[in-house]
Amino acid sequence: MCVGAEKIGSGVYSYEGDTRITKVGRIIRATSIDELPQLWNVIVGDMALIGPRPVLTYHPWPLEQYSNEQRRMFDVRPGVTGWAQVNGRKEVPWPERIQLNCEYVERISFIFDLKIFFMTIFKVVTNANNKNTTKTN
């Protein structure tokens, strides 16, 4: 994306033919290699491989609008991939993504993380569910 893209047009959402995305950016996003720099965050301990995706505290809603149960997803280390990503990725509406993140927090375990890890590999290789089809609400 171009510099300042979140302040232009549809904001944080992209769409088919979005002029903010460069040609190289289209390839990078389609293959999900734009996520690779986050591996550095895993190495230094700021992120986990598996966990709820980092959520901006102002998106999709301000932090104070989340219920106490929903805020629990902020209590675990954010991950490069998570339960919401393997259950629809960008095609899942925000309320459902948040619910899936809360479900992950309830079910967190090594075996569950392994399941998510292998499901992620499949989703990336097949490029499944990689289009923004939902709005914030």
N, C-alpha and C. Protein backbone atom coordinates (compact mmCIF):
# COMPACT_ATOMS: atom_id res chain seq x y z
N MET A 1 0.84 -1.18 0.00
CA MET A 1 0.00 0.00 0.00
C MET A 1 0.88 1.24 0.00
N CYS A 2 0.29 2.29 -0.40
CA CYS A 2 1.00 3.57 -0.41
C CYS A 2 1.05 4.14 1.01
N VAL A 3 1.94 5.07 1.23
CA VAL A 3 2.08 5.71 2.54
C VAL A 3 0.79 6.44 2.90
N GLY A 4 0.34 6.25 4.15
CA GLY A 4 -0.88 6.92 4.61
C GLY A 4 -2.16 6.30 4.08
N ALA A 5 -2.10 5.06 3.59
CA ALA A 5 -3.26 4.42 2.95
C ALA A 5 -4.46 4.31 3.87
N GLU A 6 -4.22 4.16 5.18
CA GLU A 6 -5.35 4.01 6.11
C GLU A 6 -6.17 5.29 6.24
N LYS A 7 -5.63 6.39 5.76
CA LYS A 7 -6.34 7.67 5.84
C LYS A 7 -6.96 8.08 4.50
N ILE A 8 -6.86 7.18 3.51
CA ILE A 8 -7.36 7.48 2.16
C ILE A 8 -8.49 6.50 1.82
N GLY A 9 -9.50 6.97 1.14
CA GLY A 9 -10.56 6.10 0.63
C GLY A 9 -11.27 5.32 1.71
N SER A 10 -11.22 3.99 1.60
CA SER A 10 -11.96 3.12 2.52
C SER A 10 -11.22 2.86 3.82
N GLY A 11 -10.16 3.57 4.08
CA GLY A 11 -9.44 3.42 5.34
C GLY A 11 -8.65 2.14 5.41
N VAL A 12 -8.85 1.37 6.48
CA VAL A 12 -8.07 0.15 6.68
C VAL A 12 -8.52 -0.99 5.79
N TYR A 13 -9.64 -0.85 5.12
CA TYR A 13 -10.13 -1.91 4.23
C TYR A 13 -9.61 -1.70 2.83
N SER A 14 -9.26 -2.80 2.19
CA SER A 14 -8.90 -2.74 0.77
C SER A 14 -9.98 -3.48 0.00
N TYR A 15 -10.00 -3.29 -1.28
CA TYR A 15 -11.01 -3.91 -2.12
C TYR A 15 -10.39 -4.24 -3.47
N GLU A 16 -11.07 -5.06 -4.24
CA GLU A 16 -10.61 -5.45 -5.57
C GLU A 16 -10.35 -4.19 -6.40
N GLY A 17 -9.15 -4.07 -6.96
CA GLY A 17 -8.82 -2.92 -7.79
C GLY A 17 -8.45 -1.67 -7.02
N ASP A 18 -8.23 -1.78 -5.71
CA ASP A 18 -7.88 -0.63 -4.87
C ASP A 18 -6.60 0.01 -5.39
N THR A 19 -6.67 1.29 -5.75
CA THR A 19 -5.52 1.99 -6.34
C THR A 19 -4.42 2.28 -5.32
N ARG A 20 -4.70 2.10 -4.04
CA ARG A 20 -3.68 2.32 -3.02
C ARG A 20 -2.66 1.19 -2.99
N ILE A 21 -3.01 0.04 -3.56
CA ILE A 21 -2.13 -1.12 -3.54
C ILE A 21 -1.29 -1.13 -4.82
N THR A 22 0.02 -1.15 -4.65
CA THR A 22 0.92 -1.15 -5.79
C THR A 22 0.94 -2.54 -6.44
N LYS A 23 1.52 -2.65 -7.64
CA LYS A 23 1.60 -3.95 -8.32
C LYS A 23 2.39 -4.95 -7.49
N VAL A 24 3.51 -4.51 -6.96
CA VAL A 24 4.31 -5.39 -6.11
C VAL A 24 3.52 -5.73 -4.85
N GLY A 25 2.81 -4.75 -4.32
CA GLY A 25 1.99 -4.97 -3.13
C GLY A 25 0.92 -6.03 -3.34
N ARG A 26 0.35 -6.08 -4.54
CA ARG A 26 -0.66 -7.11 -4.84
C ARG A 26 -0.07 -8.51 -4.71
N ILE A 27 1.13 -8.69 -5.23
CA ILE A 27 1.80 -10.00 -5.15
C ILE A 27 2.14 -10.32 -3.71
N ILE A 28 2.68 -9.34 -3.02
CA ILE A 28 3.07 -9.56 -1.62
C ILE A 28 1.86 -9.92 -0.77
N ARG A 29 0.75 -9.23 -0.96
CA ARG A 29 -0.45 -9.51 -0.16
C ARG A 29 -1.09 -10.83 -0.54
N ALA A 30 -1.10 -11.14 -1.83
CA ALA A 30 -1.73 -12.39 -2.30
C ALA A 30 -1.01 -13.61 -1.74
N THR A 31 0.30 -13.50 -1.55
CA THR A 31 1.08 -14.63 -1.04
C THR A 31 1.27 -14.58 0.47
N SER A 32 0.76 -13.54 1.10
CA SER A 32 0.87 -13.33 2.56
C SER A 32 2.30 -13.14 3.04
N ILE A 33 3.24 -12.86 2.13
CA ILE A 33 4.60 -12.64 2.60
C ILE A 33 4.76 -11.30 3.30
N ASP A 34 3.72 -10.48 3.24
CA ASP A 34 3.75 -9.23 4.00
C ASP A 34 3.71 -9.50 5.51
N GLU A 35 3.40 -10.73 5.88
CA GLU A 35 3.37 -11.10 7.29
C GLU A 35 4.75 -11.53 7.80
N LEU A 36 5.71 -11.80 6.91
CA LEU A 36 7.02 -12.29 7.33
C LEU A 36 7.75 -11.39 8.33
N PRO A 37 7.70 -10.07 8.19
CA PRO A 37 8.39 -9.24 9.20
C PRO A 37 7.89 -9.50 10.62
N GLN A 38 6.69 -10.01 10.76
CA GLN A 38 6.18 -10.29 12.10
C GLN A 38 6.94 -11.43 12.77
N LEU A 39 7.65 -12.24 11.97
CA LEU A 39 8.46 -13.31 12.57
C LEU A 39 9.54 -12.72 13.47
N TRP A 40 10.02 -11.52 13.14
CA TRP A 40 10.98 -10.85 14.02
C TRP A 40 10.33 -10.59 15.37
N ASN A 41 9.07 -10.17 15.35
CA ASN A 41 8.35 -9.93 16.60
C ASN A 41 8.21 -11.21 17.41
N VAL A 42 8.09 -12.35 16.73
CA VAL A 42 8.03 -13.64 17.42
C VAL A 42 9.39 -13.94 18.06
N ILE A 43 10.47 -13.72 17.31
CA ILE A 43 11.82 -14.00 17.81
C ILE A 43 12.13 -13.17 19.05
N VAL A 44 11.76 -11.90 19.05
CA VAL A 44 12.06 -11.04 20.21
C VAL A 44 11.03 -11.18 21.33
N GLY A 45 9.98 -11.98 21.11
CA GLY A 45 9.02 -12.27 22.17
C GLY A 45 7.83 -11.34 22.27
N ASP A 46 7.67 -10.44 21.31
CA ASP A 46 6.52 -9.54 21.33
C ASP A 46 5.25 -10.21 20.82
N MET A 47 5.42 -11.25 20.01
CA MET A 47 4.28 -11.98 19.45
C MET A 47 4.54 -13.47 19.56
N ALA A 48 3.47 -14.24 19.42
CA ALA A 48 3.56 -15.69 19.33
C ALA A 48 3.27 -16.08 17.88
N LEU A 49 3.63 -17.30 17.50
CA LEU A 49 3.23 -17.77 16.16
C LEU A 49 1.72 -17.89 16.09
N ILE A 50 1.13 -18.43 17.16
CA ILE A 50 -0.31 -18.68 17.20
C ILE A 50 -0.93 -17.84 18.31
N GLY A 51 -2.03 -17.19 17.99
CA GLY A 51 -2.76 -16.38 18.96
C GLY A 51 -3.67 -15.43 18.22
N PRO A 52 -4.50 -14.71 18.93
CA PRO A 52 -5.36 -13.74 18.24
C PRO A 52 -4.49 -12.72 17.50
N ARG A 53 -4.89 -12.35 16.31
CA ARG A 53 -4.14 -11.34 15.57
C ARG A 53 -4.12 -10.05 16.38
N PRO A 54 -3.04 -9.29 16.30
CA PRO A 54 -3.02 -8.02 17.02
C PRO A 54 -4.17 -7.14 16.53
N VAL A 55 -4.93 -6.64 17.45
CA VAL A 55 -6.07 -5.79 17.10
C VAL A 55 -5.71 -4.37 17.48
N LEU A 56 -5.95 -3.45 16.57
CA LEU A 56 -5.76 -2.05 16.91
C LEU A 56 -6.82 -1.69 17.96
N THR A 57 -6.43 -0.99 18.99
CA THR A 57 -7.38 -0.70 20.06
C THR A 57 -8.50 0.24 19.62
N TYR A 58 -8.38 0.81 18.43
CA TYR A 58 -9.45 1.66 17.90
C TYR A 58 -10.18 1.02 16.74
N HIS A 59 -9.84 -0.23 16.42
CA HIS A 59 -10.47 -0.87 15.26
C HIS A 59 -10.76 -2.32 15.58
N PRO A 60 -11.90 -2.86 15.37
CA PRO A 60 -12.98 -2.21 14.67
C PRO A 60 -13.76 -1.23 15.54
N TRP A 61 -13.58 -1.33 16.86
CA TRP A 61 -14.26 -0.40 17.76
C TRP A 61 -13.26 0.08 18.79
N PRO A 62 -13.55 1.20 19.46
CA PRO A 62 -12.68 1.64 20.56
C PRO A 62 -12.66 0.57 21.66
N LEU A 63 -11.56 0.44 22.35
CA LEU A 63 -11.36 -0.59 23.37
C LEU A 63 -12.49 -0.62 24.39
N GLU A 64 -12.97 0.54 24.80
CA GLU A 64 -14.01 0.57 25.85
C GLU A 64 -15.34 -0.01 25.37
N GLN A 65 -15.51 -0.23 24.08
CA GLN A 65 -16.76 -0.80 23.58
C GLN A 65 -16.75 -2.33 23.57
N TYR A 66 -15.59 -2.94 23.87
CA TYR A 66 -15.53 -4.39 23.97
C TYR A 66 -16.06 -4.81 25.34
N SER A 67 -16.74 -5.95 25.39
CA SER A 67 -17.20 -6.47 26.68
C SER A 67 -15.99 -6.97 27.47
N ASN A 68 -16.18 -7.23 28.76
CA ASN A 68 -15.08 -7.77 29.58
C ASN A 68 -14.60 -9.11 29.02
N GLU A 69 -15.54 -9.94 28.56
CA GLU A 69 -15.18 -11.23 27.97
C GLU A 69 -14.34 -11.03 26.71
N GLN A 70 -14.75 -10.09 25.87
CA GLN A 70 -14.02 -9.84 24.62
C GLN A 70 -12.63 -9.26 24.89
N ARG A 71 -12.49 -8.50 25.94
CA ARG A 71 -11.18 -7.90 26.26
C ARG A 71 -10.16 -8.95 26.65
N ARG A 72 -10.61 -10.14 26.99
CA ARG A 72 -9.68 -11.21 27.36
C ARG A 72 -8.73 -11.54 26.22
N MET A 73 -9.17 -11.29 24.98
CA MET A 73 -8.28 -11.60 23.85
C MET A 73 -7.05 -10.70 23.84
N PHE A 74 -7.11 -9.57 24.55
CA PHE A 74 -5.96 -8.69 24.66
C PHE A 74 -5.00 -9.15 25.76
N ASP A 75 -5.41 -10.14 26.57
CA ASP A 75 -4.59 -10.62 27.67
C ASP A 75 -3.55 -11.65 27.24
N VAL A 76 -3.71 -12.22 26.05
CA VAL A 76 -2.74 -13.20 25.56
C VAL A 76 -1.86 -12.54 24.51
N ARG A 77 -0.70 -13.12 24.32
CA ARG A 77 0.23 -12.58 23.33
C ARG A 77 -0.38 -12.69 21.94
N PRO A 78 -0.37 -11.61 21.17
CA PRO A 78 -0.93 -11.68 19.81
C PRO A 78 -0.10 -12.62 18.94
N GLY A 79 -0.74 -13.17 17.92
CA GLY A 79 -0.05 -14.14 17.07
C GLY A 79 -0.03 -13.74 15.61
N VAL A 80 0.87 -14.38 14.87
CA VAL A 80 0.96 -14.18 13.43
C VAL A 80 -0.27 -14.76 12.75
N THR A 81 -0.77 -15.86 13.30
CA THR A 81 -2.00 -16.48 12.81
C THR A 81 -2.82 -16.91 14.01
N GLY A 82 -4.09 -17.16 13.78
CA GLY A 82 -4.95 -17.55 14.89
C GLY A 82 -6.19 -18.29 14.44
N TRP A 83 -7.04 -18.60 15.39
CA TRP A 83 -8.25 -19.38 15.15
C TRP A 83 -9.20 -18.66 14.19
N ALA A 84 -9.31 -17.35 14.30
CA ALA A 84 -10.18 -16.60 13.39
C ALA A 84 -9.65 -16.63 11.97
N GLN A 85 -8.33 -16.64 11.80
CA GLN A 85 -7.75 -16.63 10.46
C GLN A 85 -7.98 -17.96 9.74
N VAL A 86 -7.90 -19.06 10.46
CA VAL A 86 -8.10 -20.36 9.81
C VAL A 86 -9.58 -20.71 9.66
N ASN A 87 -10.44 -19.89 10.24
CA ASN A 87 -11.89 -20.10 10.11
C ASN A 87 -12.54 -19.02 9.26
N GLY A 88 -11.86 -18.59 8.25
CA GLY A 88 -12.46 -17.64 7.34
C GLY A 88 -11.58 -16.47 6.99
N ARG A 89 -10.53 -16.27 7.76
CA ARG A 89 -9.57 -15.20 7.46
C ARG A 89 -10.26 -13.87 7.29
N LYS A 90 -10.13 -13.24 6.15
CA LYS A 90 -10.70 -11.91 5.94
C LYS A 90 -12.19 -11.93 5.61
N GLU A 91 -12.75 -13.11 5.39
CA GLU A 91 -14.15 -13.21 5.01
C GLU A 91 -15.10 -13.26 6.20
N VAL A 92 -14.55 -13.32 7.40
CA VAL A 92 -15.35 -13.42 8.61
C VAL A 92 -15.67 -12.02 9.13
N PRO A 93 -16.94 -11.72 9.41
CA PRO A 93 -17.30 -10.40 9.96
C PRO A 93 -16.61 -10.17 11.31
N TRP A 94 -16.34 -8.92 11.64
CA TRP A 94 -15.62 -8.61 12.87
C TRP A 94 -16.23 -9.22 14.13
N PRO A 95 -17.54 -9.16 14.35
CA PRO A 95 -18.07 -9.76 15.57
C PRO A 95 -17.72 -11.26 15.68
N GLU A 96 -17.73 -11.96 14.54
CA GLU A 96 -17.39 -13.38 14.56
C GLU A 96 -15.89 -13.58 14.78
N ARG A 97 -15.06 -12.73 14.20
CA ARG A 97 -13.60 -12.82 14.43
C ARG A 97 -13.30 -12.66 15.92
N ILE A 98 -13.96 -11.69 16.53
CA ILE A 98 -13.74 -11.45 17.96
C ILE A 98 -14.20 -12.65 18.77
N GLN A 99 -15.34 -13.24 18.40
CA GLN A 99 -15.82 -14.43 19.10
C GLN A 99 -14.84 -15.59 18.94
N LEU A 100 -14.30 -15.77 17.74
CA LEU A 100 -13.32 -16.83 17.50
C LEU A 100 -12.05 -16.58 18.31
N ASN A 101 -11.63 -15.34 18.43
CA ASN A 101 -10.47 -15.02 19.26
C ASN A 101 -10.73 -15.34 20.72
N CYS A 102 -11.93 -15.05 21.20
CA CYS A 102 -12.31 -15.38 22.58
C CYS A 102 -12.33 -16.89 22.77
N GLU A 103 -12.83 -17.60 21.77
CA GLU A 103 -12.84 -19.07 21.83
C GLU A 103 -11.41 -19.60 21.92
N TYR A 104 -10.50 -19.01 21.16
CA TYR A 104 -9.10 -19.43 21.22
C TYR A 104 -8.56 -19.27 22.64
N VAL A 105 -8.83 -18.13 23.26
CA VAL A 105 -8.34 -17.87 24.62
C VAL A 105 -8.86 -18.95 25.57
N GLU A 106 -10.11 -19.37 25.40
CA GLU A 106 -10.70 -20.42 26.25
C GLU A 106 -10.06 -21.79 26.00
N ARG A 107 -9.69 -22.08 24.76
CA ARG A 107 -9.21 -23.41 24.37
C ARG A 107 -7.70 -23.52 24.25
N ILE A 108 -6.97 -22.49 24.57
CA ILE A 108 -5.54 -22.44 24.31
C ILE A 108 -4.82 -23.68 24.85
N SER A 109 -4.05 -24.32 23.96
CA SER A 109 -3.24 -25.49 24.33
C SER A 109 -2.24 -25.75 23.20
N PHE A 110 -1.24 -26.55 23.49
CA PHE A 110 -0.23 -26.87 22.48
C PHE A 110 -0.86 -27.61 21.30
N ILE A 111 -1.74 -28.57 21.58
CA ILE A 111 -2.39 -29.34 20.51
C ILE A 111 -3.27 -28.43 19.65
N PHE A 112 -4.00 -27.53 20.28
CA PHE A 112 -4.85 -26.59 19.54
C PHE A 112 -3.98 -25.69 18.66
N ASP A 113 -2.84 -25.24 19.20
CA ASP A 113 -1.92 -24.42 18.42
C ASP A 113 -1.37 -25.20 17.22
N LEU A 114 -1.06 -26.47 17.40
CA LEU A 114 -0.60 -27.30 16.27
C LEU A 114 -1.66 -27.40 15.19
N LYS A 115 -2.89 -27.60 15.59
CA LYS A 115 -3.99 -27.67 14.63
C LYS A 115 -4.06 -26.37 13.82
N ILE A 116 -4.00 -25.24 14.51
CA ILE A 116 -4.06 -23.94 13.84
C ILE A 116 -2.86 -23.76 12.92
N PHE A 117 -1.68 -24.18 13.36
CA PHE A 117 -0.47 -24.06 12.56
C PHE A 117 -0.63 -24.79 11.22
N PHE A 118 -1.07 -26.04 11.27
CA PHE A 118 -1.21 -26.81 10.02
C PHE A 118 -2.36 -26.30 9.16
N MET A 119 -3.42 -25.84 9.79
CA MET A 119 -4.52 -25.24 9.02
C MET A 119 -4.05 -23.96 8.33
N THR A 120 -3.18 -23.20 9.00
CA THR A 120 -2.65 -21.97 8.41
C THR A 120 -1.82 -22.28 7.17
N ILE A 121 -0.97 -23.28 7.26
CA ILE A 121 -0.15 -23.66 6.10
C ILE A 121 -1.06 -23.97 4.92
N PHE A 122 -2.10 -24.75 5.16
CA PHE A 122 -3.04 -25.09 4.08
C PHE A 122 -3.70 -23.84 3.50
N LYS A 123 -4.16 -22.94 4.36
CA LYS A 123 -4.83 -21.72 3.90
C LYS A 123 -3.90 -20.84 3.08
N VAL A 124 -2.64 -20.71 3.50
CA VAL A 124 -1.69 -19.87 2.77
C VAL A 124 -1.36 -20.49 1.42
N VAL A 125 -1.11 -21.80 1.40
CA VAL A 125 -0.76 -22.48 0.15
C VAL A 125 -1.91 -22.42 -0.85
N THR A 126 -3.14 -22.53 -0.37
CA THR A 126 -4.30 -22.51 -1.27
C THR A 126 -4.86 -21.10 -1.47
N ASN A 127 -4.30 -20.12 -0.74
CA ASN A 127 -4.78 -18.72 -0.79
C ASN A 127 -6.27 -18.63 -0.45
N ALA A 128 -6.71 -19.48 0.44
CA ALA A 128 -8.13 -19.53 0.82
C ALA A 128 -8.53 -18.34 1.68
N ASN A 129 -9.72 -17.83 1.45
CA ASN A 129 -10.32 -16.77 2.27
C ASN A 129 -9.44 -15.53 2.37
N ASN A 130 -8.83 -15.12 1.29
CA ASN A 130 -7.88 -14.01 1.34
C ASN A 130 -8.41 -12.74 0.71
N LYS A 131 -9.71 -12.53 0.73
CA LYS A 131 -10.29 -11.29 0.21
C LYS A 131 -11.11 -10.63 1.30
N ASN A 132 -10.96 -9.33 1.43
CA ASN A 132 -11.80 -8.59 2.37
C ASN A 132 -13.21 -8.54 1.80
N THR A 133 -14.13 -9.19 2.49
CA THR A 133 -15.52 -9.19 2.03
C THR A 133 -16.46 -8.64 3.08
N THR A 134 -15.91 -8.19 4.20
CA THR A 134 -16.77 -7.74 5.29
C THR A 134 -16.48 -6.30 5.65
N LYS A 135 -17.44 -5.69 6.30
CA LYS A 135 -17.30 -4.35 6.85
C LYS A 135 -17.10 -4.48 8.36
N THR A 136 -16.90 -3.38 9.03
CA THR A 136 -16.67 -3.41 10.47
C THR A 136 -17.87 -3.97 11.22
N ASN A 137 -19.08 -3.63 10.81
CA ASN A 137 -20.24 -4.12 11.57
C ASN A 137 -21.14 -4.95 10.72
